[in-house]
Structures are given as structure tokens and as C-alpha cells.
Amino acid sequence: MKKSNKGYKKIGTKNGLTIYETYIECGFDKITGKRKRIRRRHIGNRESAELWYADLVKKYYHKTNKINLTDMTFREYSELFINNYCIPHVSRITTKDYKQMLKSILPFIGNVKLNKITTFMLDTMYQKLKIGKNGNELSSKTMSHYYNLMSVMLKQAKKWKFIENNPNEDASRPKVEKKKRRFYNREQVELLFKCLENENIKYRTLITLALVSGARRSELCAIRWSDVDFENKTIFIDNSLKIIDGEVDEEKAKTPYSVRYVNIDDVTMQLLKEYKKWQDEYICNMGEKWLGTNRVFTSVRGKHMHPDTCNKILQKIIAKYGLKKISFHNLRATCSTLLNSEGVDPVTIKERLGHSNAQISMDLYTGSLESNKKASANIFAQIQHNN
């Protein structure tokens, strides 16, 4: 079986689990000059195999390359970076994105020694990358992703003392064009709520909660009923759910700002109660066909709802009623914009949405009171009462 580009390969199965195998290079015998390698095997799933291999690389790398660290190529370093830095510390989806971008970067500097990479080389690489395949020029946003990856990689290389200076610090940073933010104004939100009255309770609850809470779609898909406090009228958000290569990747919030209790108004809380009652009846009718795990929003049989489904639901409603086209993520911007227009202070909005980068001036000159947090929740109740 062909060895994967991950450094290990599948060689069989045992008790329903996959057997993985790898050979770890341990340098050369000083007397004979022969190559020294050790073989290691692991039984488990793909995720556990990645962690297992990362631990092996971390354990043996310096033994293998102690003499040749100065000869390390960028390609060799990229493997070390993925296994020793990304897999243990970075989300799976970010790691996947990094691997994909490296496929485009390695043809340019993969064979260059890590400590020989210059700012000129990087600027030249960025210029060629921007041309894209078949002359399809890459966007400034995409180029910014390449620049940020190189910054992270070379900063870590400097931290590990593989290089003395980070040449990307002086490279030309791509200028990202700011796109005009799309959102609904108060009248458009009122119209959306009115249209939702004709929709099934699952759709109504999902979109209403997205507007009211300002939560990300990955956060909404991760919420369980145990996170909903009907008595105190709050929802606890500390997880996000993403799908990578068909597998669920549910992870804890990366920053303390994303972990938060969101106050919910009486009208939306009542809708959640009605939805819970509907879901309980639905589960009862499904019987053994129900495969649920106590999530608030699920697939037909109770499994996770794919975050992309949120946008599909919204687009279906937009098309049905001829509403202004926005994405599901734009509901988050709508929440922020509407609260701001109603006089809610920026720090309260920042805390409600789980932001970590409110403008410094706003942080310095505004304060967040508990009464303001509860007042921000009631704005949407007032809008719904008007219908």
C-alpha cells in the first residue's frame, strides 16, 4: 500500500479499527554509515493516528536531525510544523487549510534551506502565487491567507531557534479590500419575522435565535438543551461544531471571549419552549429511528445539523418571500448593527457576540452594565410584538 503524505500508512484493520504503520528515521550509524530506522504501529481512527504520529515526530526529530538542523529545507520544516505545532495546538479545519496552502507554496521554496529564505524570495513567491492557475488572479483576501501562514510558520521557526530572523516581517503584506457589510435594517428584520410566522417552528426558531443572539452558525449547531437556561433566560455558548471531510469536529471555544452567557428575551424564550415541545413529540414519533444527542438543532434523525444547512434554510426563505439577499452569517452583522442603532453600548454588543477585537476607543470610553445586557435582549421582543 502506498504511503500517505502524512508520514504513515494504513496496513490493515483489527476489530473494526485501522492499523497504521510508520518508519521513523534515526540518523546514521557513526561507524558503518548505515541508515537507522525504527518501525512503529498504531491501532485506532484517523484522528488518534495523527496525534500518535505527531508525538513520534516530536520524540525523535531532534535525535534524527541533531547534526543537520542547519540543512533543513522548508519542505522538511513544513512537515515538522504540521505535526508538532498544528495537530496538537490548531483546529483540524485550520490544519487542513494550512496543508492545502502549502501545496502551492512548496513548489517555490520547498527545496530552499529554511535559514536561507529571504524577504526577496517571499515577495517573489507572493507575486507568482497571485497570478494563479491559468492566469486567474487570486484575491487580496486569499493572498493575505498565504502571507499569514508564512508569518505563523516562520515565527514558530524562530521560536524553535531554527532561524535567527523572520524574513516575512519585511515582506510586502497584501492589502485586503474591505467589502461593504451586508445586513438587514429594522424594517427588514420586522418583515423577516413576519415571514417566519408562516414557516415551520424549526426554521423559525433557528433564524430567530441567530438574529437575537448574534451567535455563529457553528455555535448554534453545537448548542444542546442543557445549555439553555429557561429560568434565567440565557443560553451558554462555549462550543462550535464544524464538519471536516465528513467528520464532526466539535471543539471548545478558542478564546475566553467566545465563552459567554447570552441573555434571551421572553418572546424568543417562549419560542424555544414551543420548539422543545415540538421536538419532544417528534422524537417520540420517531421511536428507534431517532439517533439524537440532545442538540437543539438536528438533522431529520437527530444527528448533528451541518452548519451549511443553516444558510440553505435562510436562502430558501429569502427566495420564497423575495427578501433582500444576505448570508446566514450576515444575521450576526444584523444583530450587531441593530443593537448599535438602538443605543446599546459597543462593549455589551462585543460581549454578546463573543468578539475579542472591539475598537480600542470604544473599549476605553464605554462601559458594560448588566442592565444593558438584559435591555439588549428585549429589543428583539419589541420588534416581534409589533407584528
Protein backbone atom coordinates (compact mmCIF):
# COMPACT_ATOMS: atom_id res chain seq x y z
CA MET A 1 0.00 0.00 0.00
CA LYS A 2 1.27 3.46 -0.92
CA LYS A 3 2.50 5.58 1.95
CA SER A 4 0.42 8.68 2.62
CA ASN A 5 1.88 12.18 2.61
CA LYS A 6 1.18 12.27 6.34
CA GLY A 7 4.20 10.10 7.09
CA TYR A 8 2.32 6.91 7.93
CA LYS A 9 0.15 4.41 6.06
CA LYS A 10 -2.78 2.08 6.62
CA ILE A 11 -1.76 -1.56 6.55
CA GLY A 12 -4.93 -3.33 7.68
CA THR A 13 -7.74 -3.49 10.23
CA LYS A 14 -8.31 -5.14 13.59
CA ASN A 15 -11.60 -5.35 15.48
CA GLY A 16 -13.07 -2.67 13.27
CA LEU A 17 -10.15 -0.28 13.83
CA THR A 18 -7.43 0.70 11.36
CA ILE A 19 -3.80 -0.40 11.76
CA TYR A 20 -1.30 2.35 10.88
CA GLU A 21 2.43 1.93 10.33
CA THR A 22 5.36 4.32 10.04
CA TYR A 23 9.14 4.24 9.96
CA ILE A 24 10.96 6.92 11.95
CA GLU A 25 14.39 7.98 10.72
CA CYS A 26 17.01 7.97 13.48
CA GLY A 27 20.03 9.23 11.61
CA PHE A 28 23.06 7.11 10.61
CA ASP A 29 25.36 4.75 12.40
CA LYS A 30 28.61 6.64 13.05
CA ILE A 31 30.77 3.56 12.28
CA THR A 32 29.03 1.81 9.40
CA GLY A 33 27.24 4.86 7.97
CA LYS A 34 24.09 2.78 7.58
CA ARG A 35 20.69 4.35 7.91
CA LYS A 36 18.97 3.81 11.28
CA ARG A 37 15.18 3.48 11.38
CA ILE A 38 12.57 2.24 13.81
CA ARG A 39 9.13 0.88 12.95
CA ARG A 40 6.07 1.84 14.94
CA ARG A 41 2.43 0.77 14.65
CA HIS A 42 -0.83 2.20 15.95
CA ILE A 43 -4.41 0.91 16.07
CA GLY A 44 -7.23 3.43 16.10
CA ASN A 45 -9.04 6.03 14.00
CA ARG A 46 -7.58 8.76 11.79
CA GLU A 47 -7.64 11.44 14.49
CA SER A 48 -5.79 9.29 17.01
CA ALA A 49 -3.28 8.32 14.30
CA GLU A 50 -2.46 11.98 13.66
CA LEU A 51 -1.80 12.58 17.35
CA TRP A 52 0.23 9.38 17.61
CA TYR A 53 2.42 10.33 14.66
CA ALA A 54 2.85 13.89 15.95
CA ASP A 55 4.14 12.51 19.26
CA LEU A 56 6.61 10.24 17.44
CA VAL A 57 7.97 13.09 15.36
CA LYS A 58 8.29 15.28 18.44
CA LYS A 59 10.09 12.50 20.30
CA TYR A 60 12.57 11.51 17.59
CA TYR A 61 13.06 14.56 15.38
CA HIS A 62 15.97 16.15 17.22
CA LYS A 63 17.69 12.77 17.53
CA THR A 64 17.35 12.27 13.80
CA ASN A 65 18.45 15.71 12.70
CA LYS A 66 20.65 16.99 15.51
CA ILE A 67 23.63 17.37 13.20
CA ASN A 68 21.73 18.58 10.13
CA LEU A 69 19.40 21.24 11.58
CA THR A 70 21.15 23.93 9.54
CA ASP A 71 20.47 21.93 6.36
CA MET A 72 16.75 21.61 7.00
CA THR A 73 14.73 22.58 3.92
CA PHE A 74 11.44 24.45 4.07
CA ARG A 75 9.70 21.26 2.91
CA GLU A 76 11.15 19.31 5.83
CA TYR A 77 10.24 22.11 8.21
CA SER A 78 6.66 22.23 6.90
CA GLU A 79 6.18 18.58 7.91
CA LEU A 80 7.56 19.32 11.36
CA PHE A 81 5.33 22.40 11.64
CA ILE A 82 2.18 20.47 10.76
CA ASN A 83 2.93 17.56 13.08
CA ASN A 84 4.47 19.35 16.05
CA TYR A 85 2.60 22.63 16.02
CA CYS A 86 -0.69 22.35 14.11
CA ILE A 87 -2.01 18.94 15.14
CA PRO A 88 -1.50 19.48 18.90
CA HIS A 89 -2.46 23.17 19.01
CA VAL A 90 -4.55 24.20 15.98
CA SER A 91 -8.09 23.20 14.96
CA ARG A 92 -8.47 20.46 12.38
CA ILE A 93 -10.08 22.75 9.85
CA THR A 94 -7.23 25.29 10.13
CA THR A 95 -4.68 22.49 9.84
CA LYS A 96 -6.43 21.26 6.71
CA ASP A 97 -6.33 24.78 5.23
CA TYR A 98 -2.62 25.08 6.02
CA LYS A 99 -1.87 21.78 4.28
CA GLN A 100 -3.80 22.91 1.21
CA MET A 101 -1.94 26.23 1.01
CA LEU A 102 1.42 24.51 1.45
CA LYS A 103 0.75 22.54 -1.73
CA SER A 104 1.01 25.85 -3.60
CA ILE A 105 3.92 27.23 -1.57
CA LEU A 106 6.28 24.23 -1.67
CA PRO A 107 6.96 24.33 -5.44
CA PHE A 108 8.50 27.79 -4.91
CA ILE A 109 10.57 27.42 -1.73
CA GLY A 110 10.19 23.78 -0.69
CA ASN A 111 13.78 22.85 -1.53
CA VAL A 112 15.32 26.04 -0.13
CA LYS A 113 17.11 25.71 3.19
CA LEU A 114 14.98 27.19 5.93
CA ASN A 115 17.73 29.52 7.14
CA LYS A 116 18.42 30.74 3.59
CA ILE A 117 14.92 32.05 2.84
CA THR A 118 14.99 35.80 2.22
CA THR A 119 12.41 38.56 2.07
CA PHE A 120 13.10 38.86 -1.66
CA MET A 121 12.27 35.18 -2.18
CA LEU A 122 8.99 35.59 -0.31
CA ASP A 123 7.98 38.73 -2.21
CA THR A 124 8.75 36.95 -5.49
CA MET A 125 6.72 33.93 -4.38
CA TYR A 126 3.72 36.09 -3.44
CA GLN A 127 3.84 37.81 -6.83
CA LYS A 128 3.81 34.47 -8.66
CA LEU A 129 1.14 32.99 -6.40
CA LYS A 130 -1.12 35.97 -7.08
CA ILE A 131 -1.10 35.20 -10.82
CA GLY A 132 -2.91 31.98 -10.00
CA LYS A 133 -3.51 28.97 -12.19
CA ASN A 134 -4.34 29.67 -15.83
CA GLY A 135 -3.94 33.37 -15.17
CA ASN A 136 -6.89 33.56 -12.75
CA GLU A 137 -5.56 36.17 -10.35
CA LEU A 138 -6.06 35.38 -6.66
CA SER A 139 -7.97 37.80 -4.46
CA SER A 140 -6.24 40.01 -1.91
CA LYS A 141 -8.01 38.01 0.81
CA THR A 142 -6.55 34.73 -0.46
CA MET A 143 -3.09 36.28 -0.72
CA SER A 144 -3.48 37.51 2.87
CA HIS A 145 -4.05 33.89 3.95
CA TYR A 146 -0.76 32.84 2.33
CA TYR A 147 1.06 35.74 3.99
CA ASN A 148 -0.41 34.90 7.42
CA LEU A 149 0.56 31.24 7.09
CA MET A 150 4.17 32.15 6.33
CA SER A 151 4.16 34.55 9.29
CA VAL A 152 2.96 31.84 11.65
CA MET A 153 5.41 29.26 10.30
CA LEU A 154 8.49 31.46 10.38
CA LYS A 155 7.60 32.96 13.73
CA GLN A 156 7.45 29.43 15.13
CA ALA A 157 10.73 28.52 13.43
CA LYS A 158 12.35 31.49 15.15
CA LYS A 159 10.84 30.44 18.47
CA TRP A 160 12.27 26.94 18.00
CA LYS A 161 15.62 28.63 17.17
CA PHE A 162 15.80 27.12 13.68
CA ILE A 163 16.29 30.63 12.26
CA GLU A 164 17.56 33.88 13.75
CA ASN A 165 15.29 36.28 11.85
CA ASN A 166 11.82 36.08 10.33
CA PRO A 167 12.14 37.26 6.68
CA ASN A 168 8.37 37.56 6.35
CA GLU A 169 8.32 40.50 8.75
CA ASP A 170 9.73 42.73 5.98
CA ALA A 171 7.78 41.13 3.11
CA SER A 172 5.02 43.10 1.40
CA ARG A 173 1.75 42.44 3.18
CA PRO A 174 -1.20 42.04 0.79
CA LYS A 175 -3.75 44.82 1.14
CA VAL A 176 -7.18 43.33 1.82
CA GLU A 177 -10.03 45.26 0.28
CA LYS A 178 -12.79 45.83 2.80
CA LYS A 179 -16.15 44.70 1.48
CA LYS A 180 -19.28 46.56 2.39
CA ARG A 181 -21.00 44.69 5.20
CA ARG A 182 -24.47 43.36 4.36
CA PHE A 183 -27.23 43.33 6.95
CA TYR A 184 -30.95 43.98 7.48
CA ASN A 185 -32.26 47.22 8.93
CA ARG A 186 -35.09 47.32 11.47
CA GLU A 187 -37.86 47.30 8.83
CA GLN A 188 -36.28 44.35 7.02
CA VAL A 189 -35.95 42.44 10.30
CA GLU A 190 -39.63 43.09 11.02
CA LEU A 191 -40.52 41.74 7.57
CA LEU A 192 -38.36 38.65 8.13
CA PHE A 193 -40.08 37.94 11.47
CA LYS A 194 -43.46 38.32 9.78
CA CYS A 195 -42.48 35.84 7.04
CA LEU A 196 -41.18 33.38 9.63
CA GLU A 197 -44.67 33.17 11.16
CA ASN A 198 -45.65 31.10 8.11
CA GLU A 199 -42.71 28.71 8.42
CA ASN A 200 -42.25 25.53 10.46
CA ILE A 201 -41.14 26.02 14.03
CA LYS A 202 -37.66 24.61 13.46
CA TYR A 203 -36.84 27.18 10.76
CA ARG A 204 -38.46 29.95 12.78
CA THR A 205 -36.50 29.12 15.92
CA LEU A 206 -33.15 28.75 14.15
CA ILE A 207 -33.29 32.08 12.34
CA THR A 208 -34.84 33.96 15.26
CA LEU A 209 -32.16 32.70 17.64
CA ALA A 210 -29.43 33.62 15.14
CA LEU A 211 -30.76 37.18 14.95
CA VAL A 212 -31.37 37.59 18.67
CA SER A 213 -28.15 36.02 19.95
CA GLY A 214 -25.75 37.02 17.19
CA ALA A 215 -24.23 33.54 17.52
CA ARG A 216 -22.14 31.99 14.77
CA ARG A 217 -23.77 29.15 12.82
CA SER A 218 -21.14 26.70 14.12
CA GLU A 219 -22.08 27.75 17.66
CA LEU A 220 -25.81 27.33 17.04
CA CYS A 221 -25.26 23.82 15.67
CA ALA A 222 -23.28 22.89 18.80
CA ILE A 223 -25.86 24.09 21.36
CA ARG A 224 -27.51 21.38 23.46
CA TRP A 225 -30.66 21.71 25.52
CA SER A 226 -28.52 21.55 28.65
CA ASP A 227 -27.04 24.90 27.53
CA VAL A 228 -30.47 26.54 27.59
CA ASP A 229 -31.48 28.00 30.96
CA PHE A 230 -35.23 28.68 30.74
CA GLU A 231 -35.41 30.01 34.28
CA ASN A 232 -32.68 32.65 33.93
CA LYS A 233 -33.40 33.18 30.22
CA THR A 234 -29.86 32.62 28.99
CA ILE A 235 -28.02 30.37 26.55
CA PHE A 236 -24.49 29.22 27.33
CA ILE A 237 -22.14 29.18 24.35
CA ASP A 238 -18.75 27.51 24.64
CA ASN A 239 -18.56 25.08 21.70
CA SER A 240 -18.51 25.23 17.92
CA LEU A 241 -19.35 22.42 15.53
CA LYS A 242 -17.65 22.03 12.17
CA ILE A 243 -17.58 19.24 9.59
CA ILE A 244 -14.20 18.22 8.18
CA ASP A 245 -14.03 15.53 5.50
CA GLY A 246 -17.46 14.30 6.58
CA GLU A 247 -16.49 14.01 10.25
CA VAL A 248 -17.80 16.10 13.15
CA ASP A 249 -15.20 18.36 14.74
CA GLU A 250 -16.70 19.83 17.90
CA GLU A 251 -14.23 21.91 19.83
CA LYS A 252 -14.20 24.20 22.82
CA ALA A 253 -14.06 27.94 22.20
CA LYS A 254 -10.53 29.10 21.41
CA THR A 255 -10.65 32.34 23.41
CA PRO A 256 -12.33 33.40 26.67
CA TYR A 257 -14.31 35.98 24.68
CA SER A 258 -16.19 33.26 22.81
CA VAL A 259 -17.33 31.57 26.04
CA ARG A 260 -20.40 33.51 27.14
CA TYR A 261 -23.92 33.54 28.51
CA VAL A 262 -26.32 35.28 26.13
CA ASN A 263 -29.46 36.88 27.58
CA ILE A 264 -32.59 35.94 25.66
CA ASP A 265 -35.84 37.92 25.61
CA ASP A 266 -39.19 36.48 26.79
CA VAL A 267 -40.66 36.17 23.28
CA THR A 268 -37.71 34.18 21.92
CA MET A 269 -37.54 32.05 25.08
CA GLN A 270 -41.22 31.18 24.67
CA LEU A 271 -40.50 30.18 21.06
CA LEU A 272 -37.70 27.91 22.31
CA LYS A 273 -40.12 26.26 24.76
CA GLU A 274 -42.63 25.63 21.98
CA TYR A 275 -39.88 24.26 19.77
CA LYS A 276 -38.68 21.97 22.58
CA LYS A 277 -42.22 20.64 22.98
CA TRP A 278 -42.48 20.06 19.22
CA GLN A 279 -39.09 18.30 19.14
CA ASP A 280 -40.04 16.04 22.08
CA GLU A 281 -43.20 14.95 20.23
CA TYR A 282 -41.20 14.42 17.06
CA ILE A 283 -38.66 12.25 18.91
CA CYS A 284 -41.47 10.19 20.40
CA ASN A 285 -42.96 9.59 16.96
CA MET A 286 -39.56 8.66 15.50
CA GLY A 287 -39.04 5.92 18.09
CA GLU A 288 -35.95 3.80 17.40
CA LYS A 289 -35.23 5.79 14.24
CA TRP A 290 -34.15 8.75 16.38
CA LEU A 291 -30.36 8.90 16.75
CA GLY A 292 -30.16 12.21 18.58
CA THR A 293 -27.73 13.53 21.17
CA ASN A 294 -29.75 16.26 22.91
CA ARG A 295 -28.82 19.00 20.44
CA VAL A 296 -31.21 21.90 19.93
CA PHE A 297 -30.88 21.83 16.14
CA THR A 298 -30.51 18.45 14.47
CA SER A 299 -30.83 16.54 11.22
CA VAL A 300 -34.03 14.64 10.43
CA ARG A 301 -32.95 11.65 12.55
CA GLY A 302 -31.38 13.63 15.35
CA LYS A 303 -27.73 13.71 14.33
CA HIS A 304 -25.78 16.95 14.04
CA MET A 305 -27.02 19.68 11.75
CA HIS A 306 -24.37 20.65 9.21
CA PRO A 307 -23.53 24.36 9.60
CA ASP A 308 -24.05 24.81 5.85
CA THR A 309 -27.68 23.76 6.35
CA CYS A 310 -28.30 26.99 8.28
CA ASN A 311 -27.56 29.07 5.20
CA LYS A 312 -29.59 26.75 2.95
CA ILE A 313 -32.63 27.24 5.19
CA LEU A 314 -32.24 31.03 5.14
CA GLN A 315 -31.77 31.15 1.36
CA LYS A 316 -34.91 29.05 0.89
CA ILE A 317 -36.91 31.57 2.93
CA ILE A 318 -35.33 34.57 1.19
CA ALA A 319 -36.22 33.15 -2.23
CA LYS A 320 -39.74 32.21 -1.13
CA TYR A 321 -40.64 35.71 0.07
CA GLY A 322 -38.40 37.78 -2.18
CA LEU A 323 -36.38 39.21 0.69
CA LYS A 324 -33.08 41.05 0.38
CA LYS A 325 -30.27 38.55 -0.21
CA ILE A 326 -27.92 38.11 2.73
CA SER A 327 -25.99 35.13 4.07
CA PHE A 328 -26.69 33.40 7.36
CA HIS A 329 -23.52 34.96 8.78
CA ASN A 330 -24.98 38.38 7.88
CA LEU A 331 -27.63 37.77 10.56
CA ARG A 332 -24.78 38.17 13.03
CA ALA A 333 -23.91 41.52 11.45
CA THR A 334 -27.61 42.44 11.55
CA CYS A 335 -27.72 41.75 15.27
CA SER A 336 -24.65 43.90 15.91
CA THR A 337 -25.82 46.76 13.68
CA LEU A 338 -29.37 46.84 15.01
CA LEU A 339 -28.29 46.79 18.64
CA ASN A 340 -25.85 49.60 17.93
CA SER A 341 -28.55 51.67 16.20
CA GLU A 342 -30.81 51.21 19.23
CA GLY A 343 -28.17 52.70 21.50
CA VAL A 344 -26.71 49.56 23.09
CA ASP A 345 -23.11 50.25 24.08
CA PRO A 346 -20.34 48.65 21.98
CA VAL A 347 -18.84 46.64 24.85
CA THR A 348 -22.19 44.96 25.54
CA ILE A 349 -22.51 44.14 21.84
CA LYS A 350 -18.95 42.79 21.79
CA GLU A 351 -19.68 40.52 24.75
CA ARG A 352 -22.98 39.34 23.28
CA LEU A 353 -21.37 38.31 20.00
CA GLY A 354 -18.20 36.89 21.56
CA HIS A 355 -15.91 39.38 19.81
CA SER A 356 -12.37 39.96 21.02
CA ASN A 357 -11.45 42.96 18.87
CA ALA A 358 -13.76 45.87 19.61
CA GLN A 359 -12.19 49.18 18.69
CA ILE A 360 -9.85 50.46 21.38
CA SER A 361 -11.67 53.79 21.59
CA MET A 362 -14.94 52.02 22.25
CA ASP A 363 -13.38 49.87 24.94
CA LEU A 364 -11.88 52.93 26.59
CA TYR A 365 -14.90 55.21 26.54
CA THR A 366 -17.86 52.87 27.07
CA GLY A 367 -18.84 50.56 29.88
CA SER A 368 -20.97 47.43 30.02
CA LEU A 369 -23.70 47.24 32.66
CA GLU A 370 -25.76 44.17 33.49
CA SER A 371 -28.92 46.19 32.85
CA ASN A 372 -27.67 46.97 29.35
CA LYS A 373 -27.16 43.26 28.63
CA LYS A 374 -30.75 42.48 29.54
CA ALA A 375 -32.01 45.53 27.66
CA SER A 376 -30.24 44.32 24.51
CA ALA A 377 -32.17 41.06 24.68
CA ASN A 378 -35.55 42.85 24.87
CA ILE A 379 -35.06 44.81 21.64
CA PHE A 380 -35.99 41.79 19.54
CA ALA A 381 -39.00 41.06 21.73
CA GLN A 382 -40.31 44.56 20.97
CA ILE A 383 -39.87 44.02 17.23
CA GLN A 384 -41.73 40.72 17.35
CA HIS A 385 -44.54 42.26 19.43
CA ASN A 386 -45.07 44.86 16.71
CA ASN A 387 -46.11 42.15 14.24
